[in-house]
Amino acid sequence: MSTSKIGRLCQSVLPPEFERVRRQLPEIQDFLEQNLPEAVNRSVTLLTLKQDEIVIAANSPPAANYLRLHSKEISQQLRETFGLQQSLKFRTIPDSMLKLERPDKLRDPKKVSADSIDALERNAKWIEDDGLKAAILSLAESLKNR
């Protein structure tokens, strides 16, 4: 399947507001970071912007409670700045769940044994689909060269 077909498929299943929401999420996140007190703003992540609600996550219960306590003011500011009428919901989600970090260096892949490579080549001969057979033989050849 070519990428143009995949692109068209993805466009056909996206919600109508997707592009607007995609643009607004970083703007709202920046707004929250700039307008909340420093002790709270680093603890807050905008999770979703749906048609009926905005979900904001805090990485600790005190930060989430602060947001709940000031939800009317936050809602008012979002309404005035972005024209958002949705209700606010707050969740407590630890940083380990929100901001997954990638390891600095990935482990090297394990070496594939010569027996496994031979088995790939032997079994490829039984495959009737020429494209699949060629792909498996190519895989076996690339594994030999490691």
N, C-alpha and C. Protein backbone atom coordinates (compact mmCIF):
# COMPACT_ATOMS: atom_id res chain seq x y z
N MET A 1 0.86 -1.18 0.00
CA MET A 1 0.00 0.00 0.00
C MET A 1 0.90 1.23 0.00
N SER A 2 0.64 2.17 -0.86
CA SER A 2 1.48 3.37 -0.94
C SER A 2 1.10 4.37 0.14
N THR A 3 2.03 5.30 0.39
CA THR A 3 1.77 6.29 1.44
C THR A 3 0.62 7.20 1.09
N SER A 4 0.40 7.48 -0.17
CA SER A 4 -0.71 8.36 -0.53
C SER A 4 -2.05 7.72 -0.16
N LYS A 5 -2.17 6.40 -0.32
CA LYS A 5 -3.40 5.72 0.06
C LYS A 5 -3.59 5.78 1.57
N ILE A 6 -2.50 5.58 2.32
CA ILE A 6 -2.59 5.64 3.77
C ILE A 6 -2.97 7.05 4.21
N GLY A 7 -2.38 8.07 3.58
CA GLY A 7 -2.71 9.45 3.91
C GLY A 7 -4.17 9.76 3.67
N ARG A 8 -4.70 9.29 2.55
CA ARG A 8 -6.13 9.51 2.27
C ARG A 8 -7.00 8.78 3.26
N LEU A 9 -6.62 7.57 3.62
CA LEU A 9 -7.38 6.81 4.60
C LEU A 9 -7.40 7.54 5.94
N CYS A 10 -6.24 8.01 6.37
CA CYS A 10 -6.17 8.72 7.65
C CYS A 10 -7.00 9.99 7.61
N GLN A 11 -6.96 10.73 6.54
CA GLN A 11 -7.75 11.95 6.43
C GLN A 11 -9.24 11.65 6.50
N SER A 12 -9.64 10.52 5.95
CA SER A 12 -11.07 10.21 5.92
C SER A 12 -11.61 9.81 7.29
N VAL A 13 -10.75 9.37 8.21
CA VAL A 13 -11.24 8.93 9.52
C VAL A 13 -10.96 9.94 10.63
N LEU A 14 -10.29 11.03 10.33
CA LEU A 14 -10.03 12.04 11.35
C LEU A 14 -11.30 12.82 11.66
N PRO A 15 -11.49 13.17 12.94
CA PRO A 15 -12.66 13.99 13.27
C PRO A 15 -12.55 15.36 12.61
N PRO A 16 -13.67 16.02 12.35
CA PRO A 16 -13.64 17.29 11.63
C PRO A 16 -12.82 18.38 12.35
N GLU A 17 -12.76 18.35 13.65
CA GLU A 17 -12.05 19.38 14.42
C GLU A 17 -10.59 19.05 14.66
N PHE A 18 -10.09 17.95 14.08
CA PHE A 18 -8.75 17.47 14.40
C PHE A 18 -7.66 18.53 14.18
N GLU A 19 -7.67 19.18 13.05
CA GLU A 19 -6.61 20.14 12.72
C GLU A 19 -6.63 21.33 13.68
N ARG A 20 -7.80 21.83 13.99
CA ARG A 20 -7.90 22.95 14.93
C ARG A 20 -7.39 22.55 16.31
N VAL A 21 -7.79 21.38 16.76
CA VAL A 21 -7.36 20.90 18.07
C VAL A 21 -5.85 20.68 18.08
N ARG A 22 -5.31 20.11 17.01
CA ARG A 22 -3.87 19.87 16.93
C ARG A 22 -3.08 21.17 17.05
N ARG A 23 -3.60 22.23 16.46
CA ARG A 23 -2.93 23.54 16.56
C ARG A 23 -3.11 24.16 17.94
N GLN A 24 -4.27 23.97 18.54
CA GLN A 24 -4.58 24.63 19.80
C GLN A 24 -3.91 23.99 21.01
N LEU A 25 -3.68 22.69 20.99
CA LEU A 25 -3.12 22.01 22.16
C LEU A 25 -1.82 22.65 22.64
N PRO A 26 -0.81 22.87 21.78
CA PRO A 26 0.42 23.49 22.27
C PRO A 26 0.20 24.93 22.75
N GLU A 27 -0.72 25.65 22.10
CA GLU A 27 -1.00 27.03 22.53
C GLU A 27 -1.60 27.05 23.93
N ILE A 28 -2.53 26.14 24.18
CA ILE A 28 -3.16 26.09 25.50
C ILE A 28 -2.16 25.62 26.56
N GLN A 29 -1.31 24.64 26.20
CA GLN A 29 -0.28 24.18 27.13
C GLN A 29 0.65 25.34 27.50
N ASP A 30 1.08 26.11 26.51
CA ASP A 30 1.93 27.28 26.78
C ASP A 30 1.21 28.28 27.66
N PHE A 31 -0.06 28.50 27.37
CA PHE A 31 -0.85 29.44 28.16
C PHE A 31 -0.91 29.01 29.62
N LEU A 32 -1.15 27.72 29.86
CA LEU A 32 -1.21 27.22 31.23
C LEU A 32 0.14 27.40 31.93
N GLU A 33 1.22 27.07 31.23
CA GLU A 33 2.55 27.19 31.82
C GLU A 33 2.89 28.64 32.16
N GLN A 34 2.44 29.58 31.33
CA GLN A 34 2.76 30.99 31.56
C GLN A 34 1.88 31.62 32.63
N ASN A 35 0.66 31.14 32.80
CA ASN A 35 -0.29 31.82 33.68
C ASN A 35 -0.52 31.14 35.03
N LEU A 36 -0.08 29.93 35.19
CA LEU A 36 -0.20 29.29 36.50
C LEU A 36 1.04 29.60 37.33
N PRO A 37 0.92 29.59 38.65
CA PRO A 37 2.09 29.84 39.49
C PRO A 37 3.20 28.83 39.19
N GLU A 38 4.43 29.26 39.37
CA GLU A 38 5.58 28.42 39.03
C GLU A 38 5.56 27.06 39.73
N ALA A 39 5.10 27.03 40.95
CA ALA A 39 5.06 25.77 41.69
C ALA A 39 4.10 24.76 41.07
N VAL A 40 3.14 25.25 40.28
CA VAL A 40 2.14 24.37 39.69
C VAL A 40 2.37 24.17 38.19
N ASN A 41 2.84 25.20 37.50
CA ASN A 41 2.86 25.14 36.03
C ASN A 41 3.73 24.03 35.46
N ARG A 42 4.76 23.62 36.17
CA ARG A 42 5.61 22.53 35.68
C ARG A 42 4.98 21.17 35.95
N SER A 43 3.93 21.17 36.72
CA SER A 43 3.26 19.92 37.10
C SER A 43 2.04 19.63 36.24
N VAL A 44 1.76 20.49 35.26
CA VAL A 44 0.49 20.42 34.53
C VAL A 44 0.73 20.06 33.07
N THR A 45 -0.10 19.14 32.56
CA THR A 45 -0.04 18.75 31.15
C THR A 45 -1.46 18.70 30.61
N LEU A 46 -1.68 19.34 29.49
CA LEU A 46 -2.98 19.29 28.82
C LEU A 46 -3.08 17.94 28.12
N LEU A 47 -4.08 17.15 28.50
CA LEU A 47 -4.22 15.81 27.92
C LEU A 47 -5.10 15.81 26.68
N THR A 48 -6.33 16.30 26.82
CA THR A 48 -7.25 16.25 25.68
C THR A 48 -8.09 17.51 25.60
N LEU A 49 -8.50 17.80 24.41
CA LEU A 49 -9.42 18.90 24.14
C LEU A 49 -10.52 18.30 23.29
N LYS A 50 -11.62 17.93 23.95
CA LYS A 50 -12.75 17.31 23.27
C LYS A 50 -13.84 18.34 23.06
N GLN A 51 -14.86 17.94 22.36
CA GLN A 51 -15.96 18.84 22.07
C GLN A 51 -16.69 19.27 23.34
N ASP A 52 -16.74 18.38 24.35
CA ASP A 52 -17.49 18.71 25.56
C ASP A 52 -16.63 18.90 26.81
N GLU A 53 -15.32 18.58 26.73
CA GLU A 53 -14.49 18.74 27.92
C GLU A 53 -13.02 18.94 27.57
N ILE A 54 -12.33 19.57 28.51
CA ILE A 54 -10.88 19.74 28.45
C ILE A 54 -10.33 18.97 29.64
N VAL A 55 -9.37 18.08 29.39
CA VAL A 55 -8.80 17.29 30.47
C VAL A 55 -7.36 17.74 30.68
N ILE A 56 -7.08 18.13 31.93
CA ILE A 56 -5.75 18.58 32.31
C ILE A 56 -5.23 17.64 33.39
N ALA A 57 -3.99 17.18 33.22
CA ALA A 57 -3.38 16.27 34.19
C ALA A 57 -2.36 17.02 35.03
N ALA A 58 -2.31 16.66 36.29
CA ALA A 58 -1.30 17.18 37.20
C ALA A 58 -0.51 15.98 37.72
N ASN A 59 0.78 16.18 37.97
CA ASN A 59 1.61 15.05 38.37
C ASN A 59 1.59 14.77 39.86
N SER A 60 0.81 15.55 40.62
CA SER A 60 0.72 15.30 42.06
C SER A 60 -0.67 15.71 42.55
N PRO A 61 -1.14 15.09 43.61
CA PRO A 61 -2.45 15.46 44.16
C PRO A 61 -2.54 16.93 44.59
N PRO A 62 -1.50 17.52 45.21
CA PRO A 62 -1.62 18.94 45.56
C PRO A 62 -1.79 19.85 44.33
N ALA A 63 -1.08 19.54 43.25
CA ALA A 63 -1.22 20.35 42.03
C ALA A 63 -2.62 20.18 41.45
N ALA A 64 -3.14 18.95 41.44
CA ALA A 64 -4.50 18.72 40.93
C ALA A 64 -5.53 19.43 41.80
N ASN A 65 -5.32 19.42 43.12
CA ASN A 65 -6.24 20.13 44.01
C ASN A 65 -6.19 21.63 43.78
N TYR A 66 -5.00 22.16 43.52
CA TYR A 66 -4.88 23.59 43.21
C TYR A 66 -5.70 23.92 41.96
N LEU A 67 -5.58 23.07 40.94
CA LEU A 67 -6.33 23.29 39.69
C LEU A 67 -7.83 23.23 39.95
N ARG A 68 -8.26 22.26 40.73
CA ARG A 68 -9.69 22.14 41.04
C ARG A 68 -10.19 23.36 41.80
N LEU A 69 -9.37 23.82 42.74
CA LEU A 69 -9.74 24.99 43.55
C LEU A 69 -9.91 26.23 42.68
N HIS A 70 -9.09 26.34 41.64
CA HIS A 70 -9.12 27.52 40.78
C HIS A 70 -9.72 27.23 39.40
N SER A 71 -10.54 26.19 39.33
CA SER A 71 -11.09 25.79 38.04
C SER A 71 -11.96 26.87 37.40
N LYS A 72 -12.71 27.62 38.20
CA LYS A 72 -13.55 28.67 37.62
C LYS A 72 -12.70 29.75 36.95
N GLU A 73 -11.62 30.15 37.62
CA GLU A 73 -10.74 31.17 37.04
C GLU A 73 -10.04 30.65 35.79
N ILE A 74 -9.57 29.41 35.84
CA ILE A 74 -8.89 28.82 34.68
C ILE A 74 -9.87 28.71 33.52
N SER A 75 -11.08 28.25 33.80
CA SER A 75 -12.10 28.12 32.76
C SER A 75 -12.42 29.48 32.14
N GLN A 76 -12.54 30.49 32.98
CA GLN A 76 -12.82 31.86 32.51
C GLN A 76 -11.69 32.35 31.59
N GLN A 77 -10.46 32.12 31.99
CA GLN A 77 -9.31 32.56 31.17
C GLN A 77 -9.27 31.82 29.84
N LEU A 78 -9.54 30.53 29.85
CA LEU A 78 -9.56 29.76 28.60
C LEU A 78 -10.69 30.22 27.70
N ARG A 79 -11.83 30.58 28.29
CA ARG A 79 -12.96 31.08 27.52
C ARG A 79 -12.60 32.41 26.86
N GLU A 80 -12.01 33.33 27.65
CA GLU A 80 -11.67 34.65 27.13
C GLU A 80 -10.54 34.60 26.11
N THR A 81 -9.55 33.76 26.35
CA THR A 81 -8.37 33.73 25.48
C THR A 81 -8.59 32.90 24.22
N PHE A 82 -9.23 31.74 24.37
CA PHE A 82 -9.35 30.80 23.24
C PHE A 82 -10.79 30.58 22.78
N GLY A 83 -11.75 31.15 23.49
CA GLY A 83 -13.15 30.95 23.13
C GLY A 83 -13.64 29.54 23.44
N LEU A 84 -13.02 28.88 24.41
CA LEU A 84 -13.39 27.51 24.76
C LEU A 84 -14.51 27.49 25.79
N GLN A 85 -15.56 26.75 25.50
CA GLN A 85 -16.71 26.67 26.40
C GLN A 85 -16.78 25.33 27.14
N GLN A 86 -15.88 24.41 26.85
CA GLN A 86 -15.93 23.08 27.42
C GLN A 86 -15.72 23.10 28.93
N SER A 87 -16.24 22.08 29.59
CA SER A 87 -16.02 21.95 31.03
C SER A 87 -14.60 21.41 31.26
N LEU A 88 -14.04 21.76 32.41
CA LEU A 88 -12.69 21.32 32.76
C LEU A 88 -12.75 20.07 33.63
N LYS A 89 -11.87 19.13 33.35
CA LYS A 89 -11.72 17.93 34.18
C LYS A 89 -10.23 17.85 34.53
N PHE A 90 -9.95 17.41 35.74
CA PHE A 90 -8.58 17.31 36.20
C PHE A 90 -8.28 15.88 36.61
N ARG A 91 -7.10 15.42 36.28
CA ARG A 91 -6.65 14.07 36.63
C ARG A 91 -5.29 14.17 37.31
N THR A 92 -5.03 13.24 38.20
CA THR A 92 -3.70 13.13 38.79
C THR A 92 -3.01 11.94 38.14
N ILE A 93 -1.96 12.23 37.40
CA ILE A 93 -1.21 11.19 36.70
C ILE A 93 0.27 11.47 36.93
N PRO A 94 1.02 10.52 37.47
CA PRO A 94 2.44 10.76 37.74
C PRO A 94 3.24 11.00 36.46
N ASP A 95 4.34 11.73 36.60
CA ASP A 95 5.20 12.04 35.46
C ASP A 95 5.64 10.78 34.71
N SER A 96 5.88 9.73 35.45
CA SER A 96 6.34 8.50 34.80
C SER A 96 5.33 7.99 33.78
N MET A 97 4.06 8.33 33.95
CA MET A 97 3.03 7.91 33.01
C MET A 97 2.83 8.95 31.91
N LEU A 98 3.08 10.21 32.22
CA LEU A 98 2.82 11.29 31.26
C LEU A 98 3.94 11.50 30.27
N LYS A 99 5.14 11.53 30.77
CA LYS A 99 6.28 11.90 29.93
C LYS A 99 7.26 10.75 29.87
N LEU A 100 6.97 9.84 28.97
CA LEU A 100 7.84 8.69 28.82
C LEU A 100 9.15 9.13 28.18
N GLU A 101 10.24 8.76 28.81
CA GLU A 101 11.55 9.15 28.30
C GLU A 101 12.15 8.00 27.51
N ARG A 102 12.82 8.37 26.46
CA ARG A 102 13.48 7.37 25.65
C ARG A 102 14.86 7.12 26.23
N PRO A 103 15.32 5.90 26.20
CA PRO A 103 16.66 5.64 26.71
C PRO A 103 17.70 6.34 25.84
N ASP A 104 18.84 6.71 26.45
CA ASP A 104 19.88 7.40 25.70
C ASP A 104 20.41 6.54 24.56
N LYS A 105 20.65 5.31 24.85
CA LYS A 105 21.18 4.41 23.83
C LYS A 105 20.42 3.10 23.90
N LEU A 106 19.96 2.66 22.78
CA LEU A 106 19.28 1.38 22.72
C LEU A 106 20.30 0.25 22.74
N ARG A 107 19.89 -0.87 23.30
CA ARG A 107 20.77 -2.03 23.31
C ARG A 107 20.99 -2.51 21.89
N ASP A 108 22.17 -3.08 21.65
CA ASP A 108 22.43 -3.69 20.36
C ASP A 108 21.58 -4.94 20.22
N PRO A 109 21.09 -5.21 19.02
CA PRO A 109 20.28 -6.42 18.85
C PRO A 109 21.13 -7.67 19.04
N LYS A 110 20.50 -8.74 19.48
CA LYS A 110 21.22 -9.99 19.67
C LYS A 110 21.57 -10.58 18.32
N LYS A 111 22.66 -11.30 18.29
CA LYS A 111 23.11 -11.94 17.06
C LYS A 111 22.21 -13.13 16.76
N VAL A 112 21.86 -13.27 15.49
CA VAL A 112 21.02 -14.39 15.06
C VAL A 112 21.95 -15.54 14.71
N SER A 113 21.60 -16.71 15.19
CA SER A 113 22.47 -17.87 14.99
C SER A 113 22.47 -18.31 13.52
N ALA A 114 23.54 -18.99 13.16
CA ALA A 114 23.67 -19.51 11.80
C ALA A 114 22.57 -20.53 11.52
N ASP A 115 22.18 -21.30 12.53
CA ASP A 115 21.11 -22.29 12.35
C ASP A 115 19.78 -21.60 12.01
N SER A 116 19.50 -20.47 12.65
CA SER A 116 18.26 -19.74 12.37
C SER A 116 18.27 -19.18 10.96
N ILE A 117 19.42 -18.68 10.54
CA ILE A 117 19.53 -18.13 9.18
C ILE A 117 19.34 -19.24 8.15
N ASP A 118 19.95 -20.40 8.40
CA ASP A 118 19.77 -21.55 7.50
C ASP A 118 18.31 -21.98 7.44
N ALA A 119 17.64 -21.96 8.59
CA ALA A 119 16.23 -22.34 8.63
C ALA A 119 15.38 -21.36 7.81
N LEU A 120 15.69 -20.08 7.89
CA LEU A 120 14.97 -19.09 7.08
C LEU A 120 15.14 -19.40 5.59
N GLU A 121 16.37 -19.66 5.18
CA GLU A 121 16.63 -19.94 3.76
C GLU A 121 15.94 -21.23 3.31
N ARG A 122 16.01 -22.27 4.14
CA ARG A 122 15.38 -23.55 3.79
C ARG A 122 13.86 -23.39 3.65
N ASN A 123 13.26 -22.71 4.61
CA ASN A 123 11.80 -22.58 4.60
C ASN A 123 11.31 -21.60 3.54
N ALA A 124 12.15 -20.66 3.14
CA ALA A 124 11.75 -19.71 2.09
C ALA A 124 11.51 -20.43 0.78
N LYS A 125 12.20 -21.52 0.55
CA LYS A 125 12.04 -22.27 -0.70
C LYS A 125 10.64 -22.86 -0.85
N TRP A 126 9.92 -23.03 0.24
CA TRP A 126 8.58 -23.60 0.22
C TRP A 126 7.50 -22.55 0.00
N ILE A 127 7.86 -21.29 0.04
CA ILE A 127 6.88 -20.21 -0.08
C ILE A 127 6.54 -19.99 -1.55
N GLU A 128 5.26 -19.96 -1.87
CA GLU A 128 4.83 -19.80 -3.25
C GLU A 128 4.78 -18.34 -3.68
N ASP A 129 4.53 -17.43 -2.76
CA ASP A 129 4.46 -16.00 -3.09
C ASP A 129 5.89 -15.49 -3.33
N ASP A 130 6.16 -15.07 -4.58
CA ASP A 130 7.52 -14.66 -4.94
C ASP A 130 8.01 -13.45 -4.14
N GLY A 131 7.12 -12.50 -3.87
CA GLY A 131 7.52 -11.31 -3.12
C GLY A 131 7.91 -11.65 -1.69
N LEU A 132 7.12 -12.51 -1.06
CA LEU A 132 7.41 -12.92 0.31
C LEU A 132 8.69 -13.75 0.36
N LYS A 133 8.84 -14.65 -0.63
CA LYS A 133 10.05 -15.47 -0.69
C LYS A 133 11.28 -14.59 -0.81
N ALA A 134 11.23 -13.60 -1.70
CA ALA A 134 12.36 -12.69 -1.89
C ALA A 134 12.66 -11.90 -0.62
N ALA A 135 11.62 -11.49 0.07
CA ALA A 135 11.82 -10.72 1.31
C ALA A 135 12.49 -11.55 2.38
N ILE A 136 12.08 -12.80 2.53
CA ILE A 136 12.68 -13.66 3.55
C ILE A 136 14.12 -14.01 3.18
N LEU A 137 14.38 -14.25 1.93
CA LEU A 137 15.75 -14.53 1.50
C LEU A 137 16.63 -13.29 1.71
N SER A 138 16.09 -12.12 1.45
CA SER A 138 16.82 -10.87 1.68
C SER A 138 17.11 -10.69 3.17
N LEU A 139 16.13 -11.01 4.02
CA LEU A 139 16.33 -10.93 5.46
C LEU A 139 17.44 -11.87 5.89
N ALA A 140 17.41 -13.10 5.39
CA ALA A 140 18.44 -14.08 5.75
C ALA A 140 19.82 -13.59 5.32
N GLU A 141 19.89 -13.01 4.13
CA GLU A 141 21.18 -12.50 3.63
C GLU A 141 21.69 -11.34 4.48
N SER A 142 20.77 -10.44 4.88
CA SER A 142 21.20 -9.30 5.70
C SER A 142 21.64 -9.75 7.10
N LEU A 143 21.03 -10.83 7.60
CA LEU A 143 21.43 -11.36 8.91
C LEU A 143 22.80 -12.01 8.85
N LYS A 144 23.14 -12.58 7.70
CA LYS A 144 24.47 -13.18 7.55
C LYS A 144 25.56 -12.12 7.62
N ASN A 145 25.25 -10.93 7.09
CA ASN A 145 26.28 -9.88 6.96
C ASN A 145 26.49 -9.09 8.24
N ARG A 146 25.89 -9.47 9.32
CA ARG A 146 26.10 -8.76 10.59
C ARG A 146 27.28 -9.28 11.33
